[in-house]
Amino acid sequence: MRIGRPRLPRTVRGRRRLVRSVVAGCVLALLPSTWLYVSTADRLRTAADVPRTGVAVVFGAGLWNGGPSPYLARRLDAAARLYRAGRVRAVLVTGDNSRADYDEPSAMRAYLSRHGVPAGRIVSDYAGFDTWDSCVRARRVFGVHRAVLISQTFHIRRAVALCEAAGVSSYGLGVEDRHDATWYYGGTREVFAAGKAALDAAFHPSPEFLGPRERGIQRALASAP
């Protein structure tokens, strides 16, 4: 069966109607991204002006051969620098451990330990399956009320907006990185992820796994000088 080519409207009125429909669709598609930019405009910081905060939250970004991917390593490097500079006193690493052979939080913890963050100041969230889940669990499971969030610049606005919606007063530290294919893929993906983020912020769905309250962050902060 042959499928004919779509035909443009023949009348001026029809063409105007088509143009208005396309413009309206583009505007609606970009509204979530606009919300992210507007709502986080005053919450982004550089490494030099991050306020002193008890907790840094580092989001998972994949593993390579069991260790942090280059993107994730850069996030962890930023967290280690903040800790060594006395800007944060504990680090919450949140990522995917949904199967036995894939454990982002343990790889993140080991990397931070090798880079000068004491094991007692690192707390692992093994059910941070996406950004919303990580933010909700930071607040409801780990009792985090205020934090510095660390991710690549293309993701950090969404992380800040979602953690704010989840009840965590947040500042975002966006890590610059090489603008390779992965970078552009991540930036493109964020346009679509913004829509889900807007729905998560509006409707507050329960995370995939919540679990009981944990006091790891409180113990880490209590042991800090």
Protein backbone atom coordinates (compact mmCIF):
# COMPACT_ATOMS: atom_id res chain seq x y z
CA MET A 1 0.00 0.00 0.00
CA ARG A 2 1.41 3.37 -1.02
CA ILE A 3 1.37 6.17 1.48
CA GLY A 4 0.94 9.55 -0.12
CA ARG A 5 3.00 12.56 0.79
CA PRO A 6 1.42 14.95 3.26
CA ARG A 7 0.02 17.95 1.43
CA LEU A 8 0.27 21.53 2.58
CA PRO A 9 -2.98 23.47 2.87
CA ARG A 10 -3.92 25.10 -0.42
CA THR A 11 -5.46 28.25 1.01
CA VAL A 12 -3.71 31.16 2.71
CA ARG A 13 -5.92 30.69 5.75
CA GLY A 14 -5.02 27.02 5.95
CA ARG A 15 -1.30 27.74 5.72
CA ARG A 16 -1.57 30.39 8.43
CA ARG A 17 -3.40 27.91 10.63
CA LEU A 18 -0.65 25.34 10.06
CA VAL A 19 2.07 27.84 10.95
CA ARG A 20 0.25 28.85 14.14
CA SER A 21 -0.13 25.20 15.10
CA VAL A 22 3.58 24.52 14.56
CA VAL A 23 4.59 27.61 16.55
CA ALA A 24 2.21 26.68 19.39
CA GLY A 25 3.63 23.15 19.47
CA CYS A 26 7.20 24.47 19.67
CA VAL A 27 6.28 26.86 22.48
CA LEU A 28 4.60 24.10 24.47
CA ALA A 29 7.57 21.78 23.94
CA LEU A 30 10.00 24.41 25.24
CA LEU A 31 7.96 25.50 28.26
CA PRO A 32 9.48 22.89 30.63
CA SER A 33 13.02 23.91 29.64
CA THR A 34 12.11 27.56 30.16
CA TRP A 35 10.76 26.70 33.61
CA LEU A 36 14.06 25.02 34.50
CA TYR A 37 16.11 28.04 33.46
CA VAL A 38 13.89 30.57 35.21
CA SER A 39 13.41 28.62 38.44
CA THR A 40 17.12 27.89 38.94
CA ALA A 41 18.61 31.19 37.75
CA ASP A 42 19.78 32.23 41.22
CA ARG A 43 20.76 28.75 42.47
CA LEU A 44 23.83 27.99 40.34
CA ARG A 45 27.32 28.52 41.72
CA THR A 46 30.95 28.04 40.75
CA ALA A 47 33.50 26.14 42.82
CA ALA A 48 34.79 29.50 44.07
CA ASP A 49 31.48 30.77 45.44
CA VAL A 50 29.67 27.64 46.60
CA PRO A 51 28.35 28.41 50.09
CA ARG A 52 29.59 26.31 52.98
CA THR A 53 27.02 23.54 53.27
CA GLY A 54 26.87 20.35 55.27
CA VAL A 55 26.17 17.98 52.38
CA ALA A 56 27.17 17.59 48.74
CA VAL A 57 25.04 15.29 46.58
CA VAL A 58 26.72 13.62 43.59
CA PHE A 59 24.47 11.97 41.00
CA GLY A 60 25.52 8.80 39.21
CA ALA A 61 26.56 8.98 35.55
CA GLY A 62 27.47 5.47 34.53
CA LEU A 63 30.35 3.03 35.02
CA TRP A 64 33.18 1.95 32.75
CA ASN A 65 34.68 -1.46 33.56
CA GLY A 66 33.34 -1.23 37.11
CA GLY A 67 34.71 2.26 37.80
CA PRO A 68 33.24 5.73 37.33
CA SER A 69 32.81 6.89 33.76
CA PRO A 70 34.86 9.99 32.82
CA TYR A 71 31.80 12.20 33.34
CA LEU A 72 31.13 10.70 36.74
CA ALA A 73 34.79 10.98 37.72
CA ARG A 74 34.67 14.71 37.01
CA ARG A 75 31.65 15.09 39.30
CA LEU A 76 33.45 13.18 42.04
CA ASP A 77 36.61 15.25 41.57
CA ALA A 78 34.54 18.39 42.16
CA ALA A 79 33.03 16.90 45.32
CA ALA A 80 36.47 15.91 46.63
CA ARG A 81 37.77 19.44 46.03
CA LEU A 82 34.82 20.94 47.91
CA TYR A 83 35.47 18.59 50.82
CA ARG A 84 39.19 19.35 50.96
CA ALA A 85 38.44 23.08 50.83
CA GLY A 86 36.08 22.75 53.80
CA ARG A 87 33.02 23.75 51.76
CA VAL A 88 31.13 20.53 52.60
CA ARG A 89 31.45 18.07 55.46
CA ALA A 90 29.74 14.98 53.99
CA VAL A 91 29.04 13.59 50.53
CA LEU A 92 25.92 11.66 49.53
CA VAL A 93 26.57 9.54 46.44
CA THR A 94 23.37 8.46 44.74
CA GLY A 95 23.10 6.06 41.84
CA ASP A 96 21.87 2.80 40.42
CA ASN A 97 22.43 -0.56 42.12
CA SER A 98 19.43 -2.33 40.64
CA ARG A 99 21.40 -5.46 39.84
CA ALA A 100 24.30 -7.32 41.42
CA ASP A 101 26.79 -6.59 38.63
CA TYR A 102 26.15 -2.83 38.51
CA ASP A 103 26.88 -0.72 41.58
CA GLU A 104 27.35 2.99 40.97
CA PRO A 105 27.36 4.12 44.64
CA SER A 106 30.10 1.69 45.70
CA ALA A 107 32.29 2.74 42.76
CA MET A 108 31.69 6.40 43.62
CA ARG A 109 32.50 5.79 47.27
CA ALA A 110 35.76 4.00 46.42
CA TYR A 111 36.80 6.82 44.07
CA LEU A 112 36.16 9.51 46.68
CA SER A 113 38.10 7.54 49.29
CA ARG A 114 41.09 7.39 46.94
CA HIS A 115 40.86 11.16 46.49
CA GLY A 116 40.98 12.26 50.08
CA VAL A 117 37.43 11.99 51.40
CA PRO A 118 37.30 9.82 54.56
CA ALA A 119 35.01 6.82 54.30
CA GLY A 120 33.07 8.00 57.34
CA ARG A 121 32.04 11.17 55.49
CA ILE A 122 30.63 9.33 52.46
CA VAL A 123 27.05 8.05 52.50
CA SER A 124 25.67 5.79 49.77
CA ASP A 125 22.18 5.83 48.28
CA TYR A 126 21.76 2.61 46.31
CA ALA A 127 18.31 3.42 44.91
CA GLY A 128 18.93 6.69 43.07
CA PHE A 129 17.46 5.32 39.86
CA ASP A 130 16.78 8.75 38.38
CA THR A 131 17.14 12.39 39.41
CA TRP A 132 13.70 12.67 41.00
CA ASP A 133 14.17 9.48 43.03
CA SER A 134 17.59 10.72 44.22
CA CYS A 135 16.15 14.05 45.35
CA VAL A 136 13.15 12.55 47.14
CA ARG A 137 15.29 9.96 48.88
CA ALA A 138 17.86 12.59 49.92
CA ARG A 139 15.08 14.41 51.77
CA ARG A 140 12.85 11.60 53.02
CA VAL A 141 15.32 8.77 53.61
CA PHE A 142 18.55 10.61 54.48
CA GLY A 143 17.06 13.72 56.05
CA VAL A 144 18.94 16.20 53.84
CA HIS A 145 17.39 19.68 54.05
CA ARG A 146 20.13 21.71 52.33
CA ALA A 147 22.79 20.60 49.88
CA VAL A 148 25.18 21.45 47.08
CA LEU A 149 24.33 19.34 44.03
CA ILE A 150 27.08 18.31 41.63
CA SER A 151 26.55 17.29 38.01
CA GLN A 152 27.48 18.36 34.49
CA THR A 153 26.20 21.78 33.43
CA PHE A 154 23.63 20.34 31.02
CA HIS A 155 21.96 18.41 33.89
CA ILE A 156 22.46 20.62 36.93
CA ARG A 157 19.42 22.87 36.42
CA ARG A 158 17.08 19.89 36.35
CA ALA A 159 18.73 18.46 39.46
CA VAL A 160 18.32 21.74 41.36
CA ALA A 161 14.70 22.23 40.29
CA LEU A 162 13.74 18.69 41.28
CA CYS A 163 15.53 18.76 44.62
CA GLU A 164 13.88 22.09 45.42
CA ALA A 165 10.52 20.50 44.57
CA ALA A 166 11.37 17.55 46.82
CA GLY A 167 12.10 19.86 49.77
CA VAL A 168 15.89 20.13 49.59
CA SER A 169 17.15 23.72 49.51
CA SER A 170 19.79 23.39 46.82
CA TYR A 171 22.70 25.09 45.13
CA GLY A 172 24.03 23.63 41.91
CA LEU A 173 27.65 23.23 40.88
CA GLY A 174 27.81 22.52 37.17
CA VAL A 175 30.96 20.69 36.09
CA GLU A 176 32.34 21.78 32.73
CA ASP A 177 33.44 19.00 30.42
CA ARG A 178 34.72 18.33 26.94
CA HIS A 179 32.00 19.03 24.39
CA ASP A 180 32.09 15.63 22.71
CA ALA A 181 29.27 13.49 21.32
CA THR A 182 28.25 12.43 24.82
CA TRP A 183 27.97 16.06 25.87
CA TYR A 184 25.71 16.97 22.97
CA TYR A 185 23.63 13.85 23.51
CA GLY A 186 23.19 14.81 27.17
CA GLY A 187 22.18 18.34 26.27
CA THR A 188 19.63 17.12 23.72
CA ARG A 189 18.26 14.58 26.17
CA GLU A 190 17.67 17.33 28.72
CA VAL A 191 15.15 19.02 26.41
CA PHE A 192 12.98 15.92 26.61
CA ALA A 193 13.77 15.17 30.27
CA ALA A 194 12.54 18.66 31.20
CA GLY A 195 8.99 17.57 30.44
CA LYS A 196 9.18 14.64 32.86
CA ALA A 197 10.83 16.91 35.42
CA ALA A 198 7.92 19.34 35.24
CA LEU A 199 5.46 16.49 35.80
CA ASP A 200 7.52 15.13 38.72
CA ALA A 201 7.66 18.56 40.34
CA ALA A 202 3.92 19.08 39.87
CA PHE A 203 2.63 15.66 40.96
CA HIS A 204 5.38 14.38 43.32
CA PRO A 205 5.26 10.68 42.37
CA SER A 206 6.66 8.18 44.85
CA PRO A 207 10.18 6.99 44.00
CA GLU A 208 10.64 3.47 42.72
CA PHE A 209 11.97 2.46 46.13
CA LEU A 210 11.73 4.52 49.31
CA GLY A 211 12.60 2.35 52.28
CA PRO A 212 13.20 3.22 55.94
CA ARG A 213 14.87 6.35 57.26
CA GLU A 214 18.67 6.16 57.39
CA ARG A 215 20.92 8.21 59.68
CA GLY A 216 24.15 7.98 57.71
CA ILE A 217 24.22 11.71 56.90
CA GLN A 218 23.57 12.68 60.52
CA ARG A 219 26.40 10.41 61.71
CA ALA A 220 28.76 11.78 59.04
CA LEU A 221 28.00 15.38 60.02
CA ALA A 222 28.31 14.60 63.72
CA SER A 223 31.79 13.15 63.20
CA ALA A 224 32.98 16.17 61.22
CA PRO A 225 35.10 18.74 63.07
